[in-house]
C-alpha atoms as a PDB file:
ATOM      1  CA  MET A   1    -139.143 -60.087-149.314  1.00  0.00           C
ATOM      2  CA  ARG A   2    -136.354 -62.562-148.602  1.00  0.00           C
ATOM      3  CA  VAL A   3    -134.047 -61.896-145.655  1.00  0.00           C
ATOM      4  CA  ALA A   4    -130.853 -63.671-144.692  1.00  0.00           C
ATOM      5  CA  GLY A   5    -130.136 -63.877-140.998  1.00  0.00           C
ATOM      6  CA  ILE A   6    -126.416 -64.123-140.309  1.00  0.00           C
ATOM      7  CA  GLY A   7    -124.611 -65.273-137.192  1.00  0.00           C
ATOM      8  CA  PHE A   8    -120.854 -65.301-136.885  1.00  0.00           C
ATOM      9  CA  ARG A   9    -117.929 -65.642-134.510  1.00  0.00           C
ATOM     10  CA  GLY A  10    -115.426 -62.854-133.935  1.00  0.00           C
ATOM     11  CA  ALA A  11    -112.793 -64.608-136.053  1.00  0.00           C
ATOM     12  CA  ALA A  12    -115.116 -64.973-139.060  1.00  0.00           C
ATOM     13  CA  THR A  13    -114.094 -63.508-142.391  1.00  0.00           C
ATOM     14  CA  THR A  14    -116.288 -62.032-145.079  1.00  0.00           C
ATOM     15  CA  ALA A  15    -115.671 -65.271-146.989  1.00  0.00           C
ATOM     16  CA  SER A  16    -117.096 -67.205-143.997  1.00  0.00           C
ATOM     17  CA  LEU A  17    -120.290 -65.158-144.070  1.00  0.00           C
ATOM     18  CA  ARG A  18    -120.578 -65.398-147.856  1.00  0.00           C
ATOM     19  CA  ASP A  19    -120.114 -69.177-147.712  1.00  0.00           C
ATOM     20  CA  ALA A  20    -122.872 -69.572-145.106  1.00  0.00           C
ATOM     21  CA  LEU A  21    -125.152 -67.308-147.126  1.00  0.00           C
ATOM     22  CA  LEU A  22    -124.585 -69.189-150.373  1.00  0.00           C
ATOM     23  CA  ARG A  23    -125.215 -72.510-148.614  1.00  0.00           C
ATOM     24  CA  ALA A  24    -128.501 -71.154-147.215  1.00  0.00           C
ATOM     25  CA  ILE A  25    -129.679 -69.671-150.521  1.00  0.00           C
ATOM     26  CA  GLY A  26    -128.817 -72.789-152.497  1.00  0.00           C
ATOM     27  CA  ASP A  27    -130.679 -72.668-155.804  1.00  0.00           C
ATOM     28  CA  GLY A  28    -133.215 -70.147-154.477  1.00  0.00           C
ATOM     29  CA  PRO A  29    -133.598 -66.501-155.394  1.00  0.00           C
ATOM     30  CA  PRO A  30    -131.323 -63.850-153.875  1.00  0.00           C
ATOM     31  CA  VAL A  31    -132.065 -62.033-150.642  1.00  0.00           C
ATOM     32  CA  GLN A  32    -132.902 -58.348-150.351  1.00  0.00           C
ATOM     33  CA  VAL A  33    -131.662 -57.780-146.772  1.00  0.00           C
ATOM     34  CA  LEU A  34    -129.001 -59.138-144.402  1.00  0.00           C
ATOM     35  CA  ALA A  35    -129.817 -59.131-140.691  1.00  0.00           C
ATOM     36  CA  THR A  36    -127.906 -59.933-137.518  1.00  0.00           C
ATOM     37  CA  GLU A  37    -127.849 -58.890-133.873  1.00  0.00           C
ATOM     38  CA  SER A  38    -127.452 -55.112-133.419  1.00  0.00           C
ATOM     39  CA  SER A  39    -123.897 -55.048-132.076  1.00  0.00           C
ATOM     40  CA  LYS A  40    -122.750 -57.537-134.731  1.00  0.00           C
ATOM     41  CA  SER A  41    -124.259 -55.384-137.482  1.00  0.00           C
ATOM     42  CA  HIS A  42    -121.358 -52.945-137.057  1.00  0.00           C
ATOM     43  CA  ALA A  43    -118.701 -55.599-137.705  1.00  0.00           C
ATOM     44  CA  THR A  44    -116.606 -54.975-140.788  1.00  0.00           C
ATOM     45  CA  VAL A  45    -117.223 -58.471-142.189  1.00  0.00           C
ATOM     46  CA  PHE A  46    -120.990 -57.988-142.014  1.00  0.00           C
ATOM     47  CA  ARG A  47    -120.875 -54.478-143.492  1.00  0.00           C
ATOM     48  CA  ASP A  48    -118.513 -55.650-146.245  1.00  0.00           C
ATOM     49  CA  LEU A  49    -120.798 -58.508-147.255  1.00  0.00           C
ATOM     50  CA  ALA A  50    -123.851 -56.239-147.392  1.00  0.00           C
ATOM     51  CA  ALA A  51    -121.890 -53.720-149.480  1.00  0.00           C
ATOM     52  CA  ALA A  52    -120.601 -56.417-151.846  1.00  0.00           C
ATOM     53  CA  LEU A  53    -124.184 -57.588-152.397  1.00  0.00           C
ATOM     54  CA  SER A  54    -125.505 -53.996-152.637  1.00  0.00           C
ATOM     55  CA  ILE A  55    -128.230 -54.713-150.062  1.00  0.00           C
ATOM     56  CA  PRO A  56    -128.979 -53.273-146.619  1.00  0.00           C
ATOM     57  CA  GLY A  57    -127.350 -54.860-143.589  1.00  0.00           C
ATOM     58  CA  ILE A  58    -129.487 -54.292-140.506  1.00  0.00           C
ATOM     59  CA  GLY A  59    -129.232 -54.994-136.798  1.00  0.00           C
ATOM     60  CA  ILE A  60    -131.975 -56.540-134.666  1.00  0.00           C
ATOM     61  CA  SER A  61    -132.062 -55.822-130.937  1.00  0.00           C
ATOM     62  CA  ALA A  62    -131.285 -58.654-128.553  1.00  0.00           C
ATOM     63  CA  SER A  63    -134.703 -58.186-126.933  1.00  0.00           C
ATOM     64  CA  ASP A  64    -136.445 -58.648-130.294  1.00  0.00           C
ATOM     65  CA  LEU A  65    -134.331 -61.729-131.043  1.00  0.00           C
ATOM     66  CA  ALA A  66    -135.199 -63.225-127.657  1.00  0.00           C
ATOM     67  CA  GLU A  67    -138.898 -63.179-128.603  1.00  0.00           C
ATOM     68  CA  ILE A  68    -138.338 -65.509-131.572  1.00  0.00           C
ATOM     69  CA  ILE A  69    -138.622 -69.271-131.110  1.00  0.00           C
ATOM     70  CA  THR A  70    -136.411 -71.030-133.635  1.00  0.00           C
ATOM     71  CA  PRO A  71    -136.434 -74.614-134.890  1.00  0.00           C
ATOM     72  CA  THR A  72    -132.677 -74.891-134.359  1.00  0.00           C
ATOM     73  CA  GLN A  73    -131.473 -74.712-130.763  1.00  0.00           C
ATOM     74  CA  SER A  74    -127.938 -73.937-129.596  1.00  0.00           C
ATOM     75  CA  GLN A  75    -127.429 -73.613-125.854  1.00  0.00           C
ATOM     76  CA  ARG A  76    -124.500 -71.221-126.383  1.00  0.00           C
ATOM     77  CA  ILE A  77    -126.637 -68.912-128.531  1.00  0.00           C
ATOM     78  CA  LEU A  78    -129.611 -69.257-126.190  1.00  0.00           C
ATOM     79  CA  ASP A  79    -127.425 -68.189-123.254  1.00  0.00           C
ATOM     80  CA  ARG A  80    -125.986 -65.231-125.153  1.00  0.00           C
ATOM     81  CA  PHE A  81    -128.931 -63.940-127.211  1.00  0.00           C
ATOM     82  CA  GLY A  82    -132.026 -65.513-125.653  1.00  0.00           C
ATOM     83  CA  THR A  83    -132.935 -67.453-128.788  1.00  0.00           C
ATOM     84  CA  GLY A  84    -131.869 -70.828-130.134  1.00  0.00           C
ATOM     85  CA  SER A  85    -130.427 -69.594-133.439  1.00  0.00           C
ATOM     86  CA  LEU A  86    -129.209 -66.063-134.081  1.00  0.00           C
ATOM     87  CA  ALA A  87    -129.384 -66.562-137.863  1.00  0.00           C
ATOM     88  CA  GLU A  88    -132.952 -67.901-137.819  1.00  0.00           C
ATOM     89  CA  ALA A  89    -134.226 -65.335-135.320  1.00  0.00           C
ATOM     90  CA  ALA A  90    -132.621 -62.404-137.167  1.00  0.00           C
ATOM     91  CA  ALA A  91    -134.075 -63.546-140.493  1.00  0.00           C
ATOM     92  CA  LEU A  92    -137.560 -63.965-139.045  1.00  0.00           C
ATOM     93  CA  ALA A  93    -137.505 -60.706-137.082  1.00  0.00           C
ATOM     94  CA  ALA A  94    -136.295 -58.670-140.050  1.00  0.00           C
ATOM     95  CA  ALA A  95    -138.765 -60.238-142.487  1.00  0.00           C
ATOM     96  CA  GLY A  96    -141.769 -59.319-140.353  1.00  0.00           C
ATOM     97  CA  PRO A  97    -144.554 -60.908-138.352  1.00  0.00           C
ATOM     98  CA  GLN A  98    -145.892 -63.147-141.137  1.00  0.00           C
ATOM     99  CA  ALA A  99    -142.435 -64.444-142.126  1.00  0.00           C
ATOM    100  CA  ARG A 100    -141.553 -68.105-142.423  1.00  0.00           C
ATOM    101  CA  LEU A 101    -138.198 -69.818-142.649  1.00  0.00           C
ATOM    102  CA  VAL A 102    -137.447 -71.157-146.100  1.00  0.00           C
ATOM    103  CA  ALA A 103    -133.938 -72.293-145.129  1.00  0.00           C
ATOM    104  CA  VAL A 104    -133.047 -73.227-141.555  1.00  0.00           C
ATOM    105  CA  ARG A 105    -129.633 -72.446-140.157  1.00  0.00           C
ATOM    106  CA  VAL A 106    -126.676 -73.716-142.132  1.00  0.00           C
ATOM    107  CA  VAL A 107    -123.036 -73.477-141.126  1.00  0.00           C
ATOM    108  CA  SER A 108    -120.150 -72.227-143.234  1.00  0.00           C
ATOM    109  CA  GLY A 109    -117.461 -74.713-144.209  1.00  0.00           C
ATOM    110  CA  ASP A 110    -115.047 -73.173-141.692  1.00  0.00           C
ATOM    111  CA  THR A 111    -117.759 -73.218-138.947  1.00  0.00           C
ATOM    112  CA  MET A 112    -117.293 -69.496-138.322  1.00  0.00           C
ATOM    113  CA  ALA A 113    -120.680 -68.311-139.644  1.00  0.00           C
ATOM    114  CA  THR A 114    -124.291 -69.381-139.949  1.00  0.00           C
ATOM    115  CA  ALA A 115    -127.118 -68.229-142.195  1.00  0.00           C
ATOM    116  CA  ALA A 116    -130.845 -68.803-142.487  1.00  0.00           C
ATOM    117  CA  ILE A 117    -133.392 -67.422-144.939  1.00  0.00           C
ATOM    118  CA  ALA A 118    -136.860 -66.102-144.097  1.00  0.00           C
ATOM    119  CA  GLU A 119    -139.486 -64.983-146.537  1.00  0.00           C
ATOM    120  CA  ASN A 120    -142.484 -62.731-146.193  1.00  0.00           C
ATOM    121  CA  GLU A 121    -144.428 -62.382-149.405  1.00  0.00           C
ATOM    122  CA  GLY A 122    -146.505 -59.500-148.056  1.00  0.00           C
ATOM    123  CA  THR A 123    -143.618 -57.178-147.159  1.00  0.00           C
ATOM    124  CA  ASP A 124    -141.593 -54.949-149.447  1.00  0.00           C
ATOM    125  CA  THR A 125    -138.097 -53.686-148.719  1.00  0.00           C
END
């Protein structure tokens, strides 16, 4: 299973999220799930992207995110969510305990969104 973790600012558009996602996927295969922090999972831009891709968009609790150590570190995100990268932590948490990052956090061209990809070959959607 491949999961995209998505982080985004309040002013982000669906195009911002899609751009970050496409940058993270690159030439790789598509993802089966989008994940973000629980409260952000209700945002229209997140729901719209998941719907456009016809995949589930799920929320991960802040306490679960805080347990994930990420290679990318942002002090602002650490202060707010307890982890260094919301996108990386959400991807890893949603993909399961044996997951590994296959794409570290990338930033959308407008700097409003981030995405990272985690993979867990032993987990089905």
